[in-house]
């Protein structure tokens, strides 16, 4: 059973009345809080985009071109301290109207690598969701605070020998023992 959830940042636009021109969208406070939760961000301080929808020559496909700008806060993967950054991106998507429009087969995809169009459900494209999805692709996967590095214990092999027990630990286990304060071989 598929459960339909409401999107945090929804801006549906009907394809029947494409007037052309730019459409500007901005996420409100509640939308940013919910979108930050979905994307695993500490905070999403701002999100706005400018998009343009244009029908392609064959009439069955619509091209979305846009720019987005966001100010995000993520947790550092090393220290968990907040890492603030700005995201700016240009993006493009294609949508195919389902009625009477055959979606391309994999062998029909042009060699230039352009993605096949996404099918349009009903007669609307959700600009907000397109922007949210692009933001998810643009944010840093492993954010770090300046100068944050994994401990030297994990970047070099460490050998520890406990003289009392005669146990020798190598590599990561030695590093863990050293962190816990066990004896270390004299150098």
N, C-alpha and C. Protein backbone atom coordinates (compact mmCIF):
# COMPACT_ATOMS: atom_id res chain seq x y z
N UNK A 1 0.84 -1.17 0.00
CA UNK A 1 0.00 0.00 0.00
C UNK A 1 0.89 1.24 0.00
N UNK A 2 0.67 2.15 -0.90
CA UNK A 2 1.44 3.38 -0.99
C UNK A 2 0.68 4.47 -0.25
N UNK A 3 1.39 5.15 0.64
CA UNK A 3 0.79 6.23 1.41
C UNK A 3 1.24 7.54 0.77
N UNK A 4 0.30 8.35 0.35
CA UNK A 4 0.60 9.64 -0.25
C UNK A 4 0.88 10.64 0.86
N UNK A 5 2.06 11.24 0.85
CA UNK A 5 2.39 12.25 1.84
C UNK A 5 2.34 13.62 1.19
N UNK A 6 2.03 14.61 1.97
CA UNK A 6 1.99 15.97 1.46
C UNK A 6 3.42 16.50 1.38
N UNK A 7 3.74 17.16 0.31
CA UNK A 7 5.07 17.70 0.12
C UNK A 7 5.24 18.97 0.93
N UNK A 8 6.46 19.19 1.45
CA UNK A 8 6.73 20.34 2.30
C UNK A 8 6.74 21.64 1.52
N UNK A 9 7.18 21.58 0.26
CA UNK A 9 7.41 22.78 -0.53
C UNK A 9 6.78 22.56 -1.90
N UNK A 10 5.48 22.63 -1.96
CA UNK A 10 4.74 22.32 -3.19
C UNK A 10 4.31 23.59 -3.90
N UNK A 11 4.64 23.66 -5.19
CA UNK A 11 4.22 24.78 -6.03
C UNK A 11 3.77 24.21 -7.38
N UNK A 12 2.57 23.60 -7.42
CA UNK A 12 2.12 23.01 -8.68
C UNK A 12 1.76 24.07 -9.73
N UNK A 13 2.11 23.79 -10.97
CA UNK A 13 1.80 24.68 -12.08
C UNK A 13 1.14 23.85 -13.18
N UNK A 14 -0.01 24.29 -13.65
CA UNK A 14 -0.72 23.59 -14.73
C UNK A 14 0.02 23.79 -16.05
N UNK A 15 0.16 22.72 -16.81
CA UNK A 15 0.85 22.80 -18.09
C UNK A 15 -0.06 23.27 -19.22
N UNK A 16 -1.34 23.33 -18.97
CA UNK A 16 -2.27 23.75 -20.02
C UNK A 16 -2.15 25.22 -20.36
N UNK A 17 -1.72 26.02 -19.43
CA UNK A 17 -1.65 27.47 -19.66
C UNK A 17 -0.24 28.00 -19.45
N UNK A 18 0.73 27.44 -20.18
CA UNK A 18 2.09 27.93 -20.04
C UNK A 18 2.18 29.31 -20.67
N UNK A 19 2.39 30.30 -19.85
CA UNK A 19 2.46 31.67 -20.34
C UNK A 19 3.88 32.07 -20.66
N UNK A 20 4.84 31.23 -20.32
CA UNK A 20 6.24 31.60 -20.52
C UNK A 20 6.69 32.56 -19.44
N UNK A 21 7.92 32.97 -19.53
CA UNK A 21 8.46 33.89 -18.54
C UNK A 21 8.94 33.17 -17.31
N UNK A 22 9.52 33.93 -16.42
CA UNK A 22 10.09 33.38 -15.20
C UNK A 22 9.06 33.32 -14.08
N UNK A 23 9.20 32.28 -13.29
CA UNK A 23 8.37 32.12 -12.10
C UNK A 23 9.32 32.09 -10.91
N UNK A 24 9.08 32.97 -9.96
CA UNK A 24 9.93 33.03 -8.77
C UNK A 24 9.19 32.37 -7.61
N UNK A 25 9.90 31.50 -6.91
CA UNK A 25 9.30 30.84 -5.74
C UNK A 25 10.26 30.95 -4.56
N UNK A 26 9.69 31.00 -3.36
CA UNK A 26 10.47 31.12 -2.14
C UNK A 26 9.81 30.27 -1.06
N UNK A 27 10.61 29.57 -0.30
CA UNK A 27 10.08 28.73 0.78
C UNK A 27 9.84 29.56 2.02
N UNK A 28 8.68 29.37 2.62
CA UNK A 28 8.34 30.04 3.88
C UNK A 28 9.01 29.35 5.06
N UNK A 29 8.87 29.92 6.22
CA UNK A 29 9.52 29.41 7.43
C UNK A 29 9.14 27.96 7.72
N UNK A 30 7.85 27.66 7.77
CA UNK A 30 7.41 26.29 8.07
C UNK A 30 7.88 25.31 7.00
N UNK A 31 7.85 25.74 5.75
CA UNK A 31 8.31 24.87 4.66
C UNK A 31 9.80 24.57 4.80
N UNK A 32 10.57 25.56 5.17
CA UNK A 32 12.02 25.35 5.34
C UNK A 32 12.31 24.41 6.50
N UNK A 33 11.57 24.54 7.58
CA UNK A 33 11.76 23.64 8.73
C UNK A 33 11.48 22.20 8.33
N UNK A 34 10.38 21.98 7.64
CA UNK A 34 10.02 20.61 7.23
C UNK A 34 10.99 20.06 6.17
N UNK A 35 11.39 20.89 5.24
CA UNK A 35 12.33 20.46 4.21
C UNK A 35 13.70 20.16 4.82
N UNK A 36 14.13 20.94 5.80
CA UNK A 36 15.39 20.67 6.50
C UNK A 36 15.33 19.31 7.18
N UNK A 37 14.19 19.00 7.77
CA UNK A 37 14.01 17.71 8.42
C UNK A 37 14.14 16.57 7.40
N UNK A 38 13.49 16.73 6.27
CA UNK A 38 13.54 15.67 5.24
C UNK A 38 14.96 15.47 4.71
N UNK A 39 15.71 16.58 4.54
CA UNK A 39 17.04 16.49 3.95
C UNK A 39 18.15 16.25 4.98
N UNK A 40 17.79 16.16 6.26
CA UNK A 40 18.78 15.90 7.30
C UNK A 40 19.68 17.09 7.58
N UNK A 41 19.15 18.30 7.41
CA UNK A 41 19.90 19.52 7.67
C UNK A 41 19.65 19.99 9.09
N UNK A 42 20.60 20.70 9.67
CA UNK A 42 20.37 21.35 10.96
C UNK A 42 19.37 22.48 10.76
N UNK A 43 19.56 23.25 9.68
CA UNK A 43 18.63 24.35 9.36
C UNK A 43 18.70 24.67 7.88
N UNK A 44 17.61 25.18 7.37
CA UNK A 44 17.53 25.71 6.02
C UNK A 44 17.08 27.16 6.19
N UNK A 45 18.06 28.07 6.14
CA UNK A 45 17.79 29.46 6.47
C UNK A 45 17.10 30.22 5.35
N UNK A 46 17.33 29.83 4.12
CA UNK A 46 16.63 30.46 2.99
C UNK A 46 16.62 29.50 1.82
N UNK A 47 15.61 29.61 0.99
CA UNK A 47 15.51 28.83 -0.24
C UNK A 47 14.63 29.60 -1.21
N UNK A 48 15.21 29.98 -2.32
CA UNK A 48 14.41 30.60 -3.36
C UNK A 48 14.96 30.17 -4.72
N UNK A 49 14.08 30.21 -5.70
CA UNK A 49 14.44 29.77 -7.04
C UNK A 49 13.69 30.59 -8.08
N UNK A 50 14.26 30.60 -9.26
CA UNK A 50 13.62 31.19 -10.43
C UNK A 50 13.60 30.10 -11.49
N UNK A 51 12.41 29.81 -12.02
CA UNK A 51 12.28 28.74 -13.01
C UNK A 51 11.51 29.25 -14.22
N UNK A 52 11.69 28.55 -15.32
CA UNK A 52 10.99 28.87 -16.56
C UNK A 52 10.55 27.55 -17.18
N UNK A 53 9.29 27.44 -17.54
CA UNK A 53 8.76 26.26 -18.22
C UNK A 53 8.49 26.59 -19.67
N UNK A 54 9.04 25.78 -20.58
CA UNK A 54 8.86 26.02 -22.01
C UNK A 54 8.50 24.72 -22.71
N UNK A 55 7.49 24.72 -23.57
CA UNK A 55 7.20 23.52 -24.33
C UNK A 55 8.28 23.32 -25.40
N UNK A 56 8.65 22.06 -25.63
CA UNK A 56 9.59 21.76 -26.70
C UNK A 56 8.83 21.69 -28.02
N UNK A 57 9.54 21.58 -29.11
CA UNK A 57 8.94 21.65 -30.45
C UNK A 57 7.83 20.63 -30.67
N UNK A 58 8.01 19.41 -30.17
CA UNK A 58 7.00 18.38 -30.44
C UNK A 58 5.73 18.56 -29.63
N UNK A 59 5.73 19.48 -28.68
CA UNK A 59 4.51 19.80 -27.93
C UNK A 59 4.20 18.87 -26.79
N UNK A 60 4.77 17.68 -26.76
CA UNK A 60 4.46 16.73 -25.69
C UNK A 60 5.43 16.81 -24.53
N UNK A 61 6.52 17.52 -24.72
CA UNK A 61 7.54 17.60 -23.67
C UNK A 61 7.72 19.05 -23.24
N UNK A 62 7.84 19.24 -21.93
CA UNK A 62 8.04 20.56 -21.36
C UNK A 62 9.40 20.57 -20.68
N UNK A 63 10.17 21.61 -20.92
CA UNK A 63 11.50 21.76 -20.32
C UNK A 63 11.43 22.79 -19.20
N UNK A 64 11.95 22.42 -18.05
CA UNK A 64 12.06 23.32 -16.91
C UNK A 64 13.52 23.71 -16.78
N UNK A 65 13.80 25.00 -16.79
CA UNK A 65 15.15 25.51 -16.54
C UNK A 65 15.06 26.40 -15.32
N UNK A 66 16.03 26.26 -14.43
CA UNK A 66 15.94 27.06 -13.22
C UNK A 66 17.27 27.31 -12.54
N UNK A 67 17.21 28.20 -11.58
CA UNK A 67 18.33 28.47 -10.68
C UNK A 67 17.78 28.41 -9.27
N UNK A 68 18.59 27.95 -8.36
CA UNK A 68 18.18 27.95 -6.96
C UNK A 68 19.30 28.51 -6.12
N UNK A 69 18.90 29.07 -5.00
CA UNK A 69 19.86 29.59 -4.02
C UNK A 69 19.32 29.24 -2.65
N UNK A 70 20.21 28.70 -1.81
CA UNK A 70 19.80 28.31 -0.46
C UNK A 70 20.95 28.56 0.51
N UNK A 71 20.60 28.87 1.73
CA UNK A 71 21.56 28.95 2.83
C UNK A 71 21.22 27.82 3.78
N UNK A 72 22.18 26.91 3.96
CA UNK A 72 21.95 25.71 4.74
C UNK A 72 22.93 25.61 5.90
N UNK A 73 22.52 24.89 6.93
CA UNK A 73 23.40 24.54 8.04
C UNK A 73 23.33 23.04 8.20
N UNK A 74 24.51 22.41 8.17
CA UNK A 74 24.62 20.96 8.33
C UNK A 74 25.51 20.66 9.52
N UNK A 75 25.50 19.43 9.98
CA UNK A 75 26.37 19.00 11.07
C UNK A 75 27.68 18.49 10.47
N UNK A 76 28.80 18.95 11.03
CA UNK A 76 30.12 18.48 10.60
C UNK A 76 30.21 16.98 10.84
N UNK A 77 30.72 16.23 9.88
CA UNK A 77 30.81 14.78 10.02
C UNK A 77 31.89 14.35 11.00
N UNK A 78 32.77 15.28 11.39
CA UNK A 78 33.83 14.95 12.33
C UNK A 78 33.47 15.42 13.74
N UNK A 79 33.07 16.69 13.86
CA UNK A 79 32.87 17.29 15.19
C UNK A 79 31.41 17.47 15.58
N UNK A 80 30.52 17.36 14.62
CA UNK A 80 29.09 17.60 14.78
C UNK A 80 28.77 19.08 15.01
N UNK A 81 29.76 19.97 14.86
CA UNK A 81 29.52 21.40 14.96
C UNK A 81 28.76 21.86 13.72
N UNK A 82 27.99 22.95 13.83
CA UNK A 82 27.25 23.43 12.66
C UNK A 82 28.20 23.95 11.57
N UNK A 83 27.87 23.61 10.33
CA UNK A 83 28.62 24.07 9.17
C UNK A 83 27.63 24.82 8.28
N UNK A 84 27.87 26.11 8.11
CA UNK A 84 26.98 26.92 7.28
C UNK A 84 27.56 27.04 5.88
N UNK A 85 26.69 26.98 4.88
CA UNK A 85 27.14 27.14 3.51
C UNK A 85 26.00 27.67 2.66
N UNK A 86 26.38 28.21 1.52
CA UNK A 86 25.40 28.66 0.53
C UNK A 86 25.45 27.73 -0.66
N UNK A 87 24.30 27.45 -1.20
CA UNK A 87 24.19 26.58 -2.36
C UNK A 87 23.60 27.40 -3.50
N UNK A 88 24.25 27.36 -4.63
CA UNK A 88 23.73 27.99 -5.83
C UNK A 88 23.86 26.98 -6.95
N UNK A 89 22.81 26.83 -7.74
CA UNK A 89 22.85 25.83 -8.80
C UNK A 89 21.93 26.21 -9.96
N UNK A 90 22.37 25.85 -11.14
CA UNK A 90 21.54 25.89 -12.34
C UNK A 90 21.06 24.46 -12.55
N UNK A 91 19.83 24.28 -12.96
CA UNK A 91 19.36 22.93 -13.22
C UNK A 91 18.34 22.93 -14.34
N UNK A 92 18.13 21.73 -14.87
CA UNK A 92 17.21 21.57 -15.99
C UNK A 92 16.54 20.21 -15.87
N UNK A 93 15.27 20.16 -16.19
CA UNK A 93 14.51 18.91 -16.18
C UNK A 93 13.55 18.92 -17.35
N UNK A 94 13.17 17.74 -17.76
CA UNK A 94 12.18 17.61 -18.83
C UNK A 94 11.02 16.77 -18.33
N UNK A 95 9.82 17.14 -18.77
CA UNK A 95 8.60 16.43 -18.37
C UNK A 95 7.81 16.08 -19.62
N UNK A 96 7.21 14.89 -19.62
CA UNK A 96 6.39 14.45 -20.75
C UNK A 96 4.95 14.32 -20.30
N UNK A 97 4.07 14.89 -21.08
CA UNK A 97 2.64 14.73 -20.79
C UNK A 97 2.27 13.29 -21.11
N UNK A 98 1.58 12.67 -20.20
CA UNK A 98 1.29 11.25 -20.33
C UNK A 98 0.28 10.94 -21.44
N UNK A 99 -0.69 11.80 -21.64
CA UNK A 99 -1.73 11.51 -22.62
C UNK A 99 -1.19 11.55 -24.04
N UNK A 100 -1.23 10.41 -24.69
CA UNK A 100 -0.83 10.33 -26.09
C UNK A 100 0.65 10.52 -26.33
N UNK A 101 1.44 10.60 -25.30
CA UNK A 101 2.87 10.80 -25.46
C UNK A 101 3.60 9.55 -25.02
N UNK A 102 4.33 8.96 -25.94
CA UNK A 102 5.12 7.79 -25.62
C UNK A 102 6.43 8.25 -25.00
N UNK A 103 6.74 7.71 -23.82
CA UNK A 103 8.02 8.04 -23.19
C UNK A 103 9.12 7.28 -23.93
N UNK A 104 10.29 7.88 -24.07
CA UNK A 104 11.36 7.23 -24.81
C UNK A 104 11.82 5.94 -24.14
N UNK A 105 12.14 4.97 -24.96
CA UNK A 105 12.73 3.72 -24.48
C UNK A 105 14.22 4.00 -24.25
N UNK A 106 14.89 3.16 -23.43
CA UNK A 106 16.32 3.41 -23.17
C UNK A 106 17.15 3.53 -24.44
N UNK A 107 16.83 2.76 -25.48
CA UNK A 107 17.61 2.83 -26.72
C UNK A 107 17.33 4.11 -27.51
N UNK A 108 16.25 4.83 -27.15
CA UNK A 108 15.92 6.08 -27.82
C UNK A 108 16.60 7.30 -27.19
N UNK A 109 17.31 7.09 -26.08
CA UNK A 109 17.93 8.22 -25.39
C UNK A 109 19.09 8.71 -26.24
N UNK A 110 19.14 10.01 -26.51
CA UNK A 110 20.21 10.54 -27.35
C UNK A 110 21.59 10.27 -26.75
N UNK A 111 22.60 10.14 -27.61
CA UNK A 111 23.94 9.84 -27.11
C UNK A 111 24.56 10.94 -26.26
N UNK A 112 23.99 12.14 -26.30
CA UNK A 112 24.57 13.21 -25.49
C UNK A 112 24.30 13.02 -24.00
N UNK A 113 23.58 11.96 -23.64
CA UNK A 113 23.35 11.62 -22.24
C UNK A 113 22.19 12.35 -21.59
N UNK A 114 21.39 13.09 -22.37
CA UNK A 114 20.26 13.80 -21.78
C UNK A 114 19.28 12.78 -21.20
N UNK A 115 18.85 13.05 -20.00
CA UNK A 115 17.92 12.16 -19.32
C UNK A 115 16.57 12.12 -20.03
N UNK A 116 15.90 10.98 -20.01
CA UNK A 116 14.55 10.94 -20.57
C UNK A 116 13.63 11.80 -19.70
N UNK A 117 12.54 12.29 -20.27
CA UNK A 117 11.64 13.14 -19.49
C UNK A 117 10.91 12.36 -18.41
N UNK A 118 10.58 13.08 -17.33
CA UNK A 118 9.78 12.50 -16.26
C UNK A 118 8.32 12.57 -16.68
N UNK A 119 7.53 11.54 -16.40
CA UNK A 119 6.12 11.61 -16.76
C UNK A 119 5.37 12.62 -15.88
N UNK A 120 4.44 13.31 -16.47
CA UNK A 120 3.61 14.27 -15.75
C UNK A 120 2.38 13.53 -15.23
N UNK A 121 2.14 13.65 -13.94
CA UNK A 121 0.95 13.06 -13.33
C UNK A 121 -0.13 14.12 -13.35
N UNK A 122 -1.26 13.81 -13.99
CA UNK A 122 -2.30 14.82 -14.17
C UNK A 122 -1.83 15.80 -15.23
N UNK A 123 -1.99 17.07 -14.97
CA UNK A 123 -1.54 18.08 -15.93
C UNK A 123 -0.75 19.17 -15.23
N UNK A 124 -0.04 18.78 -14.14
CA UNK A 124 0.74 19.78 -13.40
C UNK A 124 2.16 19.29 -13.16
N UNK A 125 3.04 20.25 -13.04
CA UNK A 125 4.42 20.00 -12.63
C UNK A 125 4.60 20.74 -11.31
N UNK A 126 5.19 20.07 -10.34
CA UNK A 126 5.41 20.70 -9.04
C UNK A 126 6.79 21.33 -9.02
N UNK A 127 6.82 22.65 -9.19
CA UNK A 127 8.08 23.38 -9.23
C UNK A 127 8.81 23.32 -7.89
N UNK A 128 8.08 23.39 -6.80
CA UNK A 128 8.69 23.34 -5.47
C UNK A 128 9.40 22.02 -5.24
N UNK A 129 8.77 20.93 -5.64
CA UNK A 129 9.40 19.62 -5.46
C UNK A 129 10.62 19.48 -6.35
N UNK A 130 10.57 20.02 -7.57
CA UNK A 130 11.74 19.99 -8.46
C UNK A 130 12.91 20.74 -7.81
N UNK A 131 12.64 21.88 -7.20
CA UNK A 131 13.68 22.66 -6.52
C UNK A 131 14.19 21.89 -5.30
N UNK A 132 13.30 21.30 -4.52
CA UNK A 132 13.71 20.54 -3.33
C UNK A 132 14.59 19.36 -3.72
N UNK A 133 14.22 18.65 -4.77
CA UNK A 133 15.02 17.51 -5.23
C UNK A 133 16.40 17.97 -5.69
N UNK A 134 16.47 19.09 -6.39
CA UNK A 134 17.76 19.60 -6.84
C UNK A 134 18.61 20.04 -5.66
N UNK A 135 18.00 20.66 -4.67
CA UNK A 135 18.74 21.04 -3.47
C UNK A 135 19.35 19.81 -2.81
N UNK A 136 18.58 18.73 -2.74
CA UNK A 136 19.09 17.50 -2.14
C UNK A 136 20.33 17.00 -2.88
N UNK A 137 20.37 17.20 -4.19
CA UNK A 137 21.54 16.78 -4.98
C UNK A 137 22.74 17.71 -4.79
N UNK A 138 22.49 18.95 -4.43
CA UNK A 138 23.54 19.97 -4.38
C UNK A 138 24.22 20.11 -3.02
N UNK A 139 23.55 19.73 -1.93
CA UNK A 139 24.15 19.95 -0.61
C UNK A 139 25.37 19.04 -0.43
N UNK A 140 26.29 19.49 0.40
CA UNK A 140 27.53 18.76 0.67
C UNK A 140 27.20 17.43 1.35
N UNK A 141 27.77 16.34 0.83
CA UNK A 141 27.51 15.03 1.42
C UNK A 141 28.21 14.84 2.76
N UNK A 142 29.44 15.34 2.87
CA UNK A 142 30.23 15.17 4.08
C UNK A 142 30.78 16.52 4.54
N UNK A 143 29.93 17.38 5.09
CA UNK A 143 30.39 18.71 5.48
C UNK A 143 31.37 18.65 6.65
N UNK A 144 32.38 19.55 6.62
CA UNK A 144 33.36 19.62 7.70
C UNK A 144 33.59 21.06 8.09
N UNK A 145 33.81 21.28 9.37
CA UNK A 145 34.22 22.60 9.81
C UNK A 145 35.67 22.80 9.37
N UNK A 146 36.09 24.04 9.13
CA UNK A 146 37.47 24.27 8.70
C UNK A 146 38.46 23.68 9.69
N UNK A 147 39.42 22.93 9.19
CA UNK A 147 40.45 22.32 10.02
C UNK A 147 40.06 21.03 10.69
N UNK A 148 38.80 20.61 10.58
CA UNK A 148 38.37 19.37 11.22
C UNK A 148 38.95 18.19 10.46
N UNK A 149 39.58 17.30 11.19
CA UNK A 149 40.17 16.11 10.58
C UNK A 149 39.93 14.94 11.52
N UNK A 150 39.87 13.78 10.96
CA UNK A 150 39.74 12.60 11.80
C UNK A 150 41.02 12.45 12.61
N UNK A 151 40.88 11.94 13.79
CA UNK A 151 42.01 11.80 14.70
C UNK A 151 43.15 11.04 14.05
N UNK A 152 44.35 11.37 14.49
CA UNK A 152 45.53 10.68 13.97
C UNK A 152 45.46 9.19 14.27
N UNK A 153 44.68 8.79 15.24
CA UNK A 153 44.57 7.38 15.57
C UNK A 153 44.01 6.57 14.41
N UNK A 154 43.22 7.22 13.59
CA UNK A 154 42.57 6.50 12.52
C UNK A 154 43.27 6.72 11.18
N UNK A 155 44.28 7.58 11.15
CA UNK A 155 44.96 7.84 9.89
C UNK A 155 46.32 7.14 9.81
N UNK A 156 46.74 6.51 10.91
CA UNK A 156 48.01 5.79 10.87
C UNK A 156 47.86 4.52 11.70
N UNK A 157 48.58 3.47 11.33
CA UNK A 157 48.51 2.25 12.13
C UNK A 157 49.22 2.45 13.47
N UNK A 158 48.68 1.87 14.51
CA UNK A 158 49.26 1.98 15.85
C UNK A 158 49.37 0.56 16.39
N UNK A 159 50.52 0.27 16.99
CA UNK A 159 50.72 -1.03 17.63
C UNK A 159 50.86 -0.80 19.13
N UNK A 160 50.18 -1.61 19.91
CA UNK A 160 50.26 -1.52 21.36
C UNK A 160 50.51 -2.91 21.90
N UNK A 161 51.46 -3.00 22.84
CA UNK A 161 51.69 -4.29 23.49
C UNK A 161 51.57 -4.06 24.99
N UNK A 162 50.71 -4.84 25.62
CA UNK A 162 50.54 -4.76 27.05
C UNK A 162 51.54 -5.73 27.67
N UNK A 163 52.54 -5.20 28.39
CA UNK A 163 53.61 -6.03 28.95
C UNK A 163 53.08 -7.04 29.95
N UNK A 164 52.04 -6.68 30.71
CA UNK A 164 51.52 -7.59 31.74
C UNK A 164 50.83 -8.79 31.13
N UNK A 165 50.02 -8.58 30.10
CA UNK A 165 49.26 -9.69 29.52
C UNK A 165 49.95 -10.28 28.29
N UNK A 166 50.92 -9.56 27.72
CA UNK A 166 51.59 -10.05 26.52
C UNK A 166 50.70 -9.98 25.29
N UNK A 167 49.65 -9.19 25.33
CA UNK A 167 48.72 -9.07 24.20
C UNK A 167 49.20 -7.93 23.31
N UNK A 168 49.26 -8.19 22.01
CA UNK A 168 49.67 -7.16 21.07
C UNK A 168 48.46 -6.81 20.20
N UNK A 169 48.13 -5.52 20.17
CA UNK A 169 47.03 -5.04 19.35
C UNK A 169 47.58 -4.28 18.16
N UNK A 170 46.93 -4.42 17.02
CA UNK A 170 47.37 -3.76 15.81
C UNK A 170 46.26 -2.90 15.22
N UNK A 171 46.66 -1.89 14.45
CA UNK A 171 45.72 -1.10 13.66
C UNK A 171 44.64 -0.42 14.47
N UNK A 172 43.41 -0.58 14.03
CA UNK A 172 42.28 0.11 14.65
C UNK A 172 42.06 -0.31 16.09
N UNK A 173 42.31 -1.61 16.39
CA UNK A 173 42.12 -2.06 17.77
C UNK A 173 43.16 -1.41 18.68
N UNK A 174 44.37 -1.22 18.16
CA UNK A 174 45.40 -0.54 18.94
C UNK A 174 45.02 0.92 19.16
N UNK A 175 44.49 1.53 18.14
CA UNK A 175 44.06 2.93 18.27
C UNK A 175 42.97 3.05 19.32
N UNK A 176 42.04 2.13 19.32
CA UNK A 176 40.97 2.15 20.32
C UNK A 176 41.54 1.95 21.72
N UNK A 177 42.49 1.03 21.86
CA UNK A 177 43.11 0.81 23.16
C UNK A 177 43.86 2.04 23.62
N UNK A 178 44.53 2.72 22.68
CA UNK A 178 45.27 3.92 23.05
C UNK A 178 44.32 5.02 23.51
N UNK A 179 43.20 5.15 22.84
CA UNK A 179 42.20 6.14 23.23
C UNK A 179 41.70 5.83 24.65
N UNK A 180 41.53 4.54 24.94
CA UNK A 180 41.02 4.15 26.26
C UNK A 180 42.10 4.21 27.34
N UNK A 181 43.34 4.54 26.94
CA UNK A 181 44.38 4.74 27.94
C UNK A 181 45.21 3.52 28.24
N UNK A 182 45.19 2.50 27.42
CA UNK A 182 46.03 1.34 27.65
C UNK A 182 47.46 1.66 27.29
N UNK A 183 48.37 0.81 27.71
CA UNK A 183 49.79 1.06 27.49
C UNK A 183 50.13 0.98 26.02
N UNK A 184 51.21 1.69 25.68
CA UNK A 184 51.67 1.73 24.30
C UNK A 184 53.16 1.35 24.28
N UNK A 185 53.55 0.69 23.20
CA UNK A 185 54.96 0.36 23.02
C UNK A 185 55.80 1.62 23.06
N UNK A 186 56.94 1.61 23.71
CA UNK A 186 57.82 2.78 23.63
C UNK A 186 58.37 2.90 22.22
N UNK A 187 58.55 4.13 21.78
CA UNK A 187 59.03 4.35 20.40
C UNK A 187 60.50 4.55 20.36
